[in-house]
Amino acid sequence: MASVVMYKNNSNNTLVLASLAEKQAEYDSIKKQPYGFSRNANFYKLHTTLIMKDHDIVAQKEKHILKFYSELTKYYTTSNGFAKSFDLMPYSVQKALLDMVFNLGITKLRTQYVKMNNAIKKEDWIVAAVESKRVGISSSRNNYVSNLFLSAQKTVNHTLRG
């Protein structure tokens, strides 16, 4: 939390840097709130006082994406039994895996989705789609990821017919 730049409004309605203690208190407040896929950012905003500037939000997003990308490219390799490395997989599969690693982390993605990963090794996108379902994730998000895998299968079918 120390590296995340957050601000609070002072009495003059200008932004001042939040202290580590204030960030921790904000975190603790959010952590106490009920969790669920039906909760969105607007729900949690009711329980916050600190803010981040847009450029800091973008920087955090980019940092996380680079970390996830690095983890995905280290695991999804031919030396780990995959037919193609992550960068050579269909773009829709890359998007599906990025969504999943964002939610699960690389360890759970590797260890709890063995059937899905075995399907990916075989480039069996239909089985990967079925095995990509996550517990505690909205059906719309699960369907989104499943459809990304199915999209890769449609591309394969089109290529075989073409």
N, C-alpha and C. Protein backbone atom coordinates (compact mmCIF):
# COMPACT_ATOMS: atom_id res chain seq x y z
N MET A 1 0.81 -1.19 0.00
CA MET A 1 0.00 0.00 0.00
C MET A 1 0.86 1.26 0.00
N ALA A 2 2.05 1.18 0.51
CA ALA A 2 2.89 2.38 0.63
C ALA A 2 3.21 2.97 -0.73
N SER A 3 3.30 2.14 -1.78
CA SER A 3 3.67 2.66 -3.09
C SER A 3 2.49 3.26 -3.85
N VAL A 4 1.28 3.04 -3.39
CA VAL A 4 0.10 3.59 -4.05
C VAL A 4 -0.10 5.02 -3.57
N VAL A 5 -0.15 5.95 -4.52
CA VAL A 5 -0.31 7.36 -4.18
C VAL A 5 -1.80 7.66 -4.04
N MET A 6 -2.19 8.07 -2.84
CA MET A 6 -3.59 8.39 -2.57
C MET A 6 -3.65 9.76 -1.90
N TYR A 7 -4.78 10.41 -2.08
CA TYR A 7 -4.96 11.76 -1.58
C TYR A 7 -6.24 11.85 -0.77
N LYS A 8 -6.30 12.91 0.02
CA LYS A 8 -7.52 13.26 0.73
C LYS A 8 -7.75 14.75 0.53
N ASN A 9 -8.98 15.16 0.66
CA ASN A 9 -9.30 16.59 0.61
C ASN A 9 -9.02 17.19 1.98
N ASN A 10 -8.32 18.32 2.01
CA ASN A 10 -8.13 18.99 3.31
C ASN A 10 -9.22 20.03 3.50
N SER A 11 -9.14 20.80 4.55
CA SER A 11 -10.19 21.75 4.88
C SER A 11 -10.35 22.85 3.81
N ASN A 12 -9.32 23.12 3.02
CA ASN A 12 -9.40 24.11 1.94
C ASN A 12 -9.87 23.49 0.62
N ASN A 13 -10.31 22.20 0.70
CA ASN A 13 -10.75 21.47 -0.47
C ASN A 13 -9.65 21.31 -1.52
N THR A 14 -8.42 21.19 -1.05
CA THR A 14 -7.30 20.86 -1.94
C THR A 14 -6.79 19.47 -1.56
N LEU A 15 -6.16 18.83 -2.51
CA LEU A 15 -5.68 17.47 -2.28
C LEU A 15 -4.34 17.47 -1.56
N VAL A 16 -4.23 16.63 -0.55
CA VAL A 16 -2.97 16.41 0.15
C VAL A 16 -2.72 14.91 0.21
N LEU A 17 -1.46 14.54 0.25
CA LEU A 17 -1.12 13.12 0.30
C LEU A 17 -1.69 12.46 1.56
N ALA A 18 -2.23 11.29 1.40
CA ALA A 18 -2.73 10.53 2.53
C ALA A 18 -1.56 9.81 3.19
N SER A 19 -1.64 9.69 4.50
CA SER A 19 -0.59 8.99 5.24
C SER A 19 -0.78 7.48 5.10
N LEU A 20 0.24 6.74 5.46
CA LEU A 20 0.14 5.29 5.45
C LEU A 20 -0.98 4.82 6.38
N ALA A 21 -1.11 5.44 7.53
CA ALA A 21 -2.17 5.09 8.49
C ALA A 21 -3.56 5.34 7.88
N GLU A 22 -3.71 6.44 7.14
CA GLU A 22 -4.99 6.74 6.50
C GLU A 22 -5.31 5.72 5.40
N LYS A 23 -4.29 5.33 4.67
CA LYS A 23 -4.49 4.30 3.64
C LYS A 23 -4.88 2.97 4.28
N GLN A 24 -4.22 2.63 5.37
CA GLN A 24 -4.53 1.38 6.06
C GLN A 24 -5.96 1.41 6.59
N ALA A 25 -6.37 2.53 7.16
CA ALA A 25 -7.74 2.66 7.68
C ALA A 25 -8.76 2.52 6.55
N GLU A 26 -8.46 3.10 5.40
CA GLU A 26 -9.35 2.99 4.24
C GLU A 26 -9.45 1.53 3.79
N TYR A 27 -8.30 0.86 3.72
CA TYR A 27 -8.26 -0.55 3.35
C TYR A 27 -9.11 -1.38 4.32
N ASP A 28 -8.90 -1.15 5.61
CA ASP A 28 -9.65 -1.89 6.64
C ASP A 28 -11.15 -1.66 6.50
N SER A 29 -11.56 -0.44 6.19
CA SER A 29 -12.97 -0.11 6.01
C SER A 29 -13.56 -0.89 4.84
N ILE A 30 -12.85 -0.93 3.73
CA ILE A 30 -13.32 -1.65 2.54
C ILE A 30 -13.36 -3.15 2.81
N LYS A 31 -12.35 -3.65 3.48
CA LYS A 31 -12.25 -5.08 3.77
C LYS A 31 -13.45 -5.57 4.59
N LYS A 32 -14.03 -4.71 5.41
CA LYS A 32 -15.17 -5.07 6.25
C LYS A 32 -16.48 -5.17 5.45
N GLN A 33 -16.49 -4.62 4.24
CA GLN A 33 -17.71 -4.60 3.46
C GLN A 33 -18.00 -5.97 2.86
N PRO A 34 -19.27 -6.28 2.62
CA PRO A 34 -19.59 -7.58 2.02
C PRO A 34 -19.00 -7.68 0.62
N TYR A 35 -18.56 -8.87 0.29
CA TYR A 35 -17.95 -9.12 -1.01
C TYR A 35 -18.91 -9.90 -1.87
N GLY A 36 -18.88 -9.65 -3.14
CA GLY A 36 -19.67 -10.43 -4.07
C GLY A 36 -19.66 -9.79 -5.43
N PHE A 37 -19.91 -10.60 -6.44
CA PHE A 37 -19.85 -10.08 -7.80
C PHE A 37 -20.96 -9.08 -8.08
N SER A 38 -21.95 -9.00 -7.21
CA SER A 38 -23.01 -8.01 -7.40
C SER A 38 -22.56 -6.63 -6.90
N ARG A 39 -21.44 -6.56 -6.19
CA ARG A 39 -20.91 -5.29 -5.69
C ARG A 39 -20.04 -4.66 -6.77
N ASN A 40 -20.29 -3.40 -7.04
CA ASN A 40 -19.47 -2.71 -8.03
C ASN A 40 -18.73 -1.55 -7.36
N ALA A 41 -17.97 -0.83 -8.16
CA ALA A 41 -17.16 0.26 -7.63
C ALA A 41 -18.01 1.31 -6.92
N ASN A 42 -19.20 1.60 -7.44
CA ASN A 42 -20.05 2.60 -6.80
C ASN A 42 -20.45 2.20 -5.38
N PHE A 43 -20.66 0.90 -5.16
CA PHE A 43 -20.98 0.43 -3.81
C PHE A 43 -19.83 0.74 -2.86
N TYR A 44 -18.61 0.40 -3.26
CA TYR A 44 -17.46 0.59 -2.38
C TYR A 44 -17.10 2.06 -2.21
N LYS A 45 -17.42 2.86 -3.20
CA LYS A 45 -17.12 4.29 -3.12
C LYS A 45 -17.85 4.95 -1.95
N LEU A 46 -19.00 4.41 -1.59
CA LEU A 46 -19.75 4.93 -0.45
C LEU A 46 -18.98 4.80 0.86
N HIS A 47 -17.99 3.92 0.89
CA HIS A 47 -17.25 3.61 2.11
C HIS A 47 -15.81 4.12 2.06
N THR A 48 -15.54 5.06 1.16
CA THR A 48 -14.17 5.56 1.01
C THR A 48 -14.12 7.08 1.13
N THR A 49 -12.95 7.57 1.47
CA THR A 49 -12.73 9.02 1.50
C THR A 49 -11.50 9.40 0.69
N LEU A 50 -10.58 8.47 0.49
CA LEU A 50 -9.36 8.76 -0.25
C LEU A 50 -9.59 8.61 -1.74
N ILE A 51 -8.78 9.31 -2.51
CA ILE A 51 -8.90 9.24 -3.97
C ILE A 51 -7.53 9.04 -4.59
N MET A 52 -7.55 8.59 -5.83
CA MET A 52 -6.33 8.49 -6.63
C MET A 52 -6.52 9.36 -7.87
N LYS A 53 -5.45 9.95 -8.32
CA LYS A 53 -5.50 10.71 -9.57
C LYS A 53 -5.50 9.73 -10.75
N ASP A 54 -6.10 10.17 -11.84
CA ASP A 54 -6.24 9.29 -13.01
C ASP A 54 -4.90 8.73 -13.47
N HIS A 55 -3.85 9.57 -13.52
CA HIS A 55 -2.56 9.06 -14.01
C HIS A 55 -1.97 8.02 -13.06
N ASP A 56 -2.28 8.10 -11.76
CA ASP A 56 -1.82 7.08 -10.81
C ASP A 56 -2.60 5.78 -11.00
N ILE A 57 -3.87 5.90 -11.33
CA ILE A 57 -4.69 4.72 -11.60
C ILE A 57 -4.16 4.00 -12.83
N VAL A 58 -3.87 4.76 -13.87
CA VAL A 58 -3.34 4.17 -15.11
C VAL A 58 -1.99 3.50 -14.83
N ALA A 59 -1.15 4.14 -14.04
CA ALA A 59 0.16 3.56 -13.71
C ALA A 59 0.00 2.24 -12.97
N GLN A 60 -0.93 2.17 -12.01
CA GLN A 60 -1.18 0.93 -11.28
C GLN A 60 -1.70 -0.15 -12.21
N LYS A 61 -2.63 0.22 -13.09
CA LYS A 61 -3.19 -0.74 -14.04
C LYS A 61 -2.08 -1.32 -14.93
N GLU A 62 -1.24 -0.44 -15.46
CA GLU A 62 -0.15 -0.89 -16.33
C GLU A 62 0.82 -1.80 -15.58
N LYS A 63 1.11 -1.46 -14.34
CA LYS A 63 2.00 -2.28 -13.51
C LYS A 63 1.44 -3.68 -13.34
N HIS A 64 0.14 -3.77 -13.05
CA HIS A 64 -0.49 -5.07 -12.86
C HIS A 64 -0.54 -5.86 -14.16
N ILE A 65 -0.87 -5.21 -15.26
CA ILE A 65 -0.94 -5.90 -16.55
C ILE A 65 0.43 -6.46 -16.92
N LEU A 66 1.48 -5.68 -16.73
CA LEU A 66 2.84 -6.17 -17.03
C LEU A 66 3.22 -7.36 -16.16
N LYS A 67 2.84 -7.32 -14.89
CA LYS A 67 3.12 -8.44 -13.99
C LYS A 67 2.38 -9.68 -14.46
N PHE A 68 1.09 -9.54 -14.76
CA PHE A 68 0.30 -10.69 -15.22
C PHE A 68 0.85 -11.22 -16.54
N TYR A 69 1.19 -10.33 -17.44
CA TYR A 69 1.73 -10.74 -18.73
C TYR A 69 3.02 -11.54 -18.53
N SER A 70 3.88 -11.05 -17.67
CA SER A 70 5.14 -11.74 -17.38
C SER A 70 4.87 -13.14 -16.82
N GLU A 71 3.93 -13.25 -15.90
CA GLU A 71 3.59 -14.55 -15.33
C GLU A 71 3.03 -15.50 -16.39
N LEU A 72 2.16 -14.99 -17.25
CA LEU A 72 1.56 -15.81 -18.29
C LEU A 72 2.61 -16.30 -19.29
N THR A 73 3.53 -15.42 -19.68
CA THR A 73 4.55 -15.82 -20.66
C THR A 73 5.56 -16.79 -20.06
N LYS A 74 5.73 -16.77 -18.75
CA LYS A 74 6.65 -17.73 -18.11
C LYS A 74 6.01 -19.11 -17.96
N TYR A 75 4.71 -19.16 -17.79
CA TYR A 75 4.05 -20.46 -17.61
C TYR A 75 3.62 -21.08 -18.94
N TYR A 76 3.00 -20.32 -19.79
CA TYR A 76 2.48 -20.86 -21.05
C TYR A 76 3.60 -20.87 -22.09
N THR A 77 4.43 -21.92 -22.00
CA THR A 77 5.59 -22.10 -22.88
C THR A 77 5.57 -23.51 -23.45
N THR A 78 6.28 -23.70 -24.54
CA THR A 78 6.38 -25.04 -25.11
C THR A 78 7.16 -25.96 -24.17
N SER A 79 8.09 -25.42 -23.40
CA SER A 79 8.83 -26.26 -22.45
C SER A 79 7.93 -26.77 -21.32
N ASN A 80 6.78 -26.13 -21.09
CA ASN A 80 5.81 -26.62 -20.12
C ASN A 80 4.73 -27.48 -20.77
N GLY A 81 4.93 -27.84 -22.04
CA GLY A 81 4.02 -28.77 -22.71
C GLY A 81 2.94 -28.14 -23.56
N PHE A 82 2.93 -26.83 -23.66
CA PHE A 82 1.92 -26.16 -24.48
C PHE A 82 2.35 -26.18 -25.94
N ALA A 83 1.39 -26.33 -26.84
CA ALA A 83 1.70 -26.39 -28.27
C ALA A 83 2.33 -25.09 -28.75
N LYS A 84 1.92 -23.99 -28.14
CA LYS A 84 2.45 -22.67 -28.52
C LYS A 84 2.73 -21.88 -27.25
N SER A 85 3.68 -20.98 -27.36
CA SER A 85 3.93 -20.07 -26.24
C SER A 85 2.77 -19.08 -26.16
N PHE A 86 2.66 -18.43 -25.02
CA PHE A 86 1.55 -17.49 -24.79
C PHE A 86 1.41 -16.49 -25.93
N ASP A 87 2.50 -15.87 -26.35
CA ASP A 87 2.44 -14.83 -27.39
C ASP A 87 1.98 -15.36 -28.75
N LEU A 88 2.09 -16.65 -28.96
CA LEU A 88 1.67 -17.23 -30.25
C LEU A 88 0.29 -17.86 -30.20
N MET A 89 -0.32 -17.89 -29.02
CA MET A 89 -1.69 -18.39 -28.90
C MET A 89 -2.66 -17.40 -29.54
N PRO A 90 -3.83 -17.87 -29.93
CA PRO A 90 -4.82 -16.93 -30.48
C PRO A 90 -5.05 -15.76 -29.51
N TYR A 91 -5.26 -14.60 -30.07
CA TYR A 91 -5.44 -13.40 -29.26
C TYR A 91 -6.59 -13.56 -28.27
N SER A 92 -7.68 -14.20 -28.70
CA SER A 92 -8.82 -14.38 -27.79
C SER A 92 -8.44 -15.26 -26.60
N VAL A 93 -7.57 -16.23 -26.79
CA VAL A 93 -7.10 -17.08 -25.69
C VAL A 93 -6.23 -16.26 -24.75
N GLN A 94 -5.37 -15.42 -25.31
CA GLN A 94 -4.55 -14.54 -24.47
C GLN A 94 -5.44 -13.65 -23.60
N LYS A 95 -6.50 -13.10 -24.18
CA LYS A 95 -7.43 -12.26 -23.41
C LYS A 95 -8.12 -13.05 -22.31
N ALA A 96 -8.53 -14.28 -22.63
CA ALA A 96 -9.20 -15.13 -21.64
C ALA A 96 -8.26 -15.41 -20.46
N LEU A 97 -7.03 -15.76 -20.77
CA LEU A 97 -6.06 -16.07 -19.72
C LEU A 97 -5.70 -14.84 -18.91
N LEU A 98 -5.64 -13.68 -19.53
CA LEU A 98 -5.36 -12.45 -18.80
C LEU A 98 -6.51 -12.16 -17.82
N ASP A 99 -7.74 -12.36 -18.26
CA ASP A 99 -8.89 -12.17 -17.38
C ASP A 99 -8.80 -13.12 -16.19
N MET A 100 -8.46 -14.36 -16.46
CA MET A 100 -8.40 -15.36 -15.39
C MET A 100 -7.26 -15.10 -14.42
N VAL A 101 -6.08 -14.73 -14.92
CA VAL A 101 -4.95 -14.50 -14.03
C VAL A 101 -5.19 -13.25 -13.18
N PHE A 102 -5.90 -12.29 -13.72
CA PHE A 102 -6.26 -11.09 -12.95
C PHE A 102 -7.10 -11.48 -11.73
N ASN A 103 -8.03 -12.39 -11.96
CA ASN A 103 -8.94 -12.81 -10.90
C ASN A 103 -8.31 -13.83 -9.94
N LEU A 104 -7.55 -14.77 -10.48
CA LEU A 104 -7.07 -15.91 -9.71
C LEU A 104 -5.63 -15.79 -9.23
N GLY A 105 -4.80 -15.12 -10.00
CA GLY A 105 -3.35 -15.19 -9.77
C GLY A 105 -2.81 -16.40 -10.52
N ILE A 106 -1.54 -16.39 -10.82
CA ILE A 106 -0.94 -17.45 -11.63
C ILE A 106 -0.94 -18.80 -10.91
N THR A 107 -0.75 -18.81 -9.60
CA THR A 107 -0.69 -20.09 -8.88
C THR A 107 -2.01 -20.84 -8.97
N LYS A 108 -3.12 -20.17 -8.70
CA LYS A 108 -4.43 -20.83 -8.81
C LYS A 108 -4.74 -21.18 -10.26
N LEU A 109 -4.36 -20.33 -11.18
CA LEU A 109 -4.61 -20.62 -12.60
C LEU A 109 -3.89 -21.90 -13.00
N ARG A 110 -2.67 -22.09 -12.51
CA ARG A 110 -1.90 -23.30 -12.82
C ARG A 110 -2.42 -24.53 -12.09
N THR A 111 -2.71 -24.38 -10.80
CA THR A 111 -2.98 -25.56 -9.97
C THR A 111 -4.46 -25.95 -9.86
N GLN A 112 -5.36 -25.00 -10.03
CA GLN A 112 -6.78 -25.31 -9.88
C GLN A 112 -7.49 -25.49 -11.23
N TYR A 113 -6.82 -25.21 -12.30
CA TYR A 113 -7.42 -25.32 -13.62
C TYR A 113 -6.60 -26.26 -14.50
N VAL A 114 -6.28 -27.43 -13.93
CA VAL A 114 -5.45 -28.42 -14.61
C VAL A 114 -6.12 -28.92 -15.89
N LYS A 115 -7.43 -29.22 -15.82
CA LYS A 115 -8.14 -29.71 -17.00
C LYS A 115 -8.16 -28.65 -18.10
N MET A 116 -8.37 -27.42 -17.72
CA MET A 116 -8.36 -26.34 -18.72
C MET A 116 -6.97 -26.22 -19.34
N ASN A 117 -5.94 -26.26 -18.51
CA ASN A 117 -4.58 -26.14 -19.03
C ASN A 117 -4.20 -27.33 -19.91
N ASN A 118 -4.67 -28.52 -19.55
CA ASN A 118 -4.42 -29.67 -20.42
C ASN A 118 -5.11 -29.49 -21.77
N ALA A 119 -6.30 -28.91 -21.76
CA ALA A 119 -7.00 -28.63 -23.02
C ALA A 119 -6.25 -27.58 -23.83
N ILE A 120 -5.71 -26.57 -23.15
CA ILE A 120 -4.93 -25.54 -23.85
C ILE A 120 -3.69 -26.15 -24.47
N LYS A 121 -3.06 -27.09 -23.76
CA LYS A 121 -1.87 -27.77 -24.31
C LYS A 121 -2.21 -28.45 -25.63
N LYS A 122 -3.43 -28.98 -25.73
CA LYS A 122 -3.87 -29.68 -26.94
C LYS A 122 -4.56 -28.74 -27.94
N GLU A 123 -4.67 -27.48 -27.56
CA GLU A 123 -5.41 -26.49 -28.34
C GLU A 123 -6.86 -26.93 -28.56
N ASP A 124 -7.43 -27.55 -27.54
CA ASP A 124 -8.83 -27.96 -27.56
C ASP A 124 -9.62 -26.85 -26.88
N TRP A 125 -9.99 -25.86 -27.66
CA TRP A 125 -10.59 -24.64 -27.12
C TRP A 125 -12.00 -24.86 -26.59
N ILE A 126 -12.68 -25.89 -27.08
CA ILE A 126 -14.02 -26.19 -26.57
C ILE A 126 -13.95 -26.69 -25.13
N VAL A 127 -13.05 -27.62 -24.87
CA VAL A 127 -12.87 -28.11 -23.49
C VAL A 127 -12.33 -27.00 -22.61
N ALA A 128 -11.39 -26.21 -23.12
CA ALA A 128 -10.86 -25.08 -22.34
C ALA A 128 -11.99 -24.14 -21.93
N ALA A 129 -12.92 -23.90 -22.85
CA ALA A 129 -14.06 -23.02 -22.56
C ALA A 129 -14.90 -23.58 -21.41
N VAL A 130 -15.18 -24.87 -21.46
CA VAL A 130 -15.98 -25.51 -20.41
C VAL A 130 -15.25 -25.48 -19.07
N GLU A 131 -13.96 -25.73 -19.09
CA GLU A 131 -13.17 -25.84 -17.86
C GLU A 131 -12.73 -24.49 -17.30
N SER A 132 -13.06 -23.42 -17.99
CA SER A 132 -12.64 -22.08 -17.54
C SER A 132 -13.59 -21.47 -16.51
N LYS A 133 -14.69 -22.13 -16.23
CA LYS A 133 -15.68 -21.58 -15.29
C LYS A 133 -15.09 -21.40 -13.91
N ARG A 134 -15.31 -20.23 -13.32
CA ARG A 134 -14.82 -19.92 -11.97
C ARG A 134 -15.98 -19.79 -11.01
N VAL A 135 -15.74 -20.23 -9.79
CA VAL A 135 -16.73 -20.10 -8.72
C VAL A 135 -16.62 -18.69 -8.15
N GLY A 136 -17.77 -18.08 -7.86
CA GLY A 136 -17.77 -16.75 -7.27
C GLY A 136 -17.61 -15.63 -8.28
N ILE A 137 -17.67 -15.95 -9.55
CA ILE A 137 -17.58 -14.96 -10.63
C ILE A 137 -18.94 -14.91 -11.31
N SER A 138 -19.34 -13.74 -11.72
CA SER A 138 -20.65 -13.61 -12.37
C SER A 138 -20.73 -14.49 -13.61
N SER A 139 -21.93 -14.93 -13.90
CA SER A 139 -22.11 -15.77 -15.09
C SER A 139 -21.75 -14.99 -16.36
N SER A 140 -21.99 -13.68 -16.36
CA SER A 140 -21.65 -12.90 -17.56
C SER A 140 -20.13 -12.88 -17.79
N ARG A 141 -19.36 -12.78 -16.71
CA ARG A 141 -17.90 -12.78 -16.87
C ARG A 141 -17.40 -14.18 -17.24
N ASN A 142 -17.96 -15.21 -16.62
CA ASN A 142 -17.59 -16.57 -17.02
C ASN A 142 -17.94 -16.83 -18.48
N ASN A 143 -19.11 -16.37 -18.90
CA ASN A 143 -19.50 -16.54 -20.31
C ASN A 143 -18.58 -15.77 -21.24
N TYR A 144 -18.17 -14.59 -20.83
CA TYR A 144 -17.23 -13.79 -21.62
C TYR A 144 -15.95 -14.58 -21.88
N VAL A 145 -15.38 -15.16 -20.82
CA VAL A 145 -14.13 -15.91 -20.96
C VAL A 145 -14.35 -17.17 -21.78
N SER A 146 -15.44 -17.87 -21.50
CA SER A 146 -15.76 -19.07 -22.27
C SER A 146 -15.89 -18.75 -23.76
N ASN A 147 -16.56 -17.65 -24.07
CA ASN A 147 -16.73 -17.25 -25.46
C ASN A 147 -15.41 -16.86 -26.13
N LEU A 148 -14.47 -16.35 -25.34
CA LEU A 148 -13.14 -16.06 -25.90
C LEU A 148 -12.46 -17.34 -26.36
N PHE A 149 -12.55 -18.40 -25.54
CA PHE A 149 -11.98 -19.69 -25.95
C PHE A 149 -12.73 -20.24 -27.17
N LEU A 150 -14.06 -20.14 -27.16
CA LEU A 150 -14.84 -20.64 -28.29
C LEU A 150 -14.53 -19.87 -29.57
N SER A 151 -14.20 -18.60 -29.41
CA SER A 151 -13.81 -17.79 -30.57
C SER A 151 -12.55 -18.35 -31.22
N ALA A 152 -11.62 -18.82 -30.40
CA ALA A 152 -10.40 -19.43 -30.95
C ALA A 152 -10.75 -20.70 -31.72
N GLN A 153 -11.73 -21.46 -31.22
CA GLN A 153 -12.16 -22.67 -31.91
C GLN A 153 -12.79 -22.33 -33.25
N LYS A 154 -13.59 -21.27 -33.29
CA LYS A 154 -14.21 -20.85 -34.55
C LYS A 154 -13.16 -20.47 -35.57
N THR A 155 -12.08 -19.83 -35.11
CA THR A 155 -10.99 -19.46 -36.00
C THR A 155 -10.33 -20.71 -36.56
N VAL A 156 -10.12 -21.74 -35.73
CA VAL A 156 -9.53 -23.00 -36.17
C VAL A 156 -10.44 -23.67 -37.20
N ASN A 157 -11.74 -23.72 -36.90
CA ASN A 157 -12.69 -24.34 -37.81
C ASN A 157 -12.71 -23.61 -39.16
N HIS A 158 -12.66 -22.30 -39.13
CA HIS A 158 -12.66 -21.50 -40.35
C HIS A 158 -11.40 -21.78 -41.17
N THR A 159 -10.27 -21.86 -40.49
CA THR A 159 -8.99 -22.11 -41.17
C THR A 159 -9.00 -23.49 -41.81
N LEU A 160 -9.56 -24.50 -41.11
CA LEU A 160 -9.60 -25.86 -41.65
C LEU A 160 -10.51 -25.94 -42.88
N ARG A 161 -11.60 -25.18 -42.88
CA ARG A 161 -12.53 -25.20 -44.02
C ARG A 161 -12.00 -24.39 -45.19
N GLY A 162 -11.25 -23.33 -44.86
CA GLY A 162 -10.81 -22.38 -45.88
C GLY A 162 -9.79 -22.94 -46.76
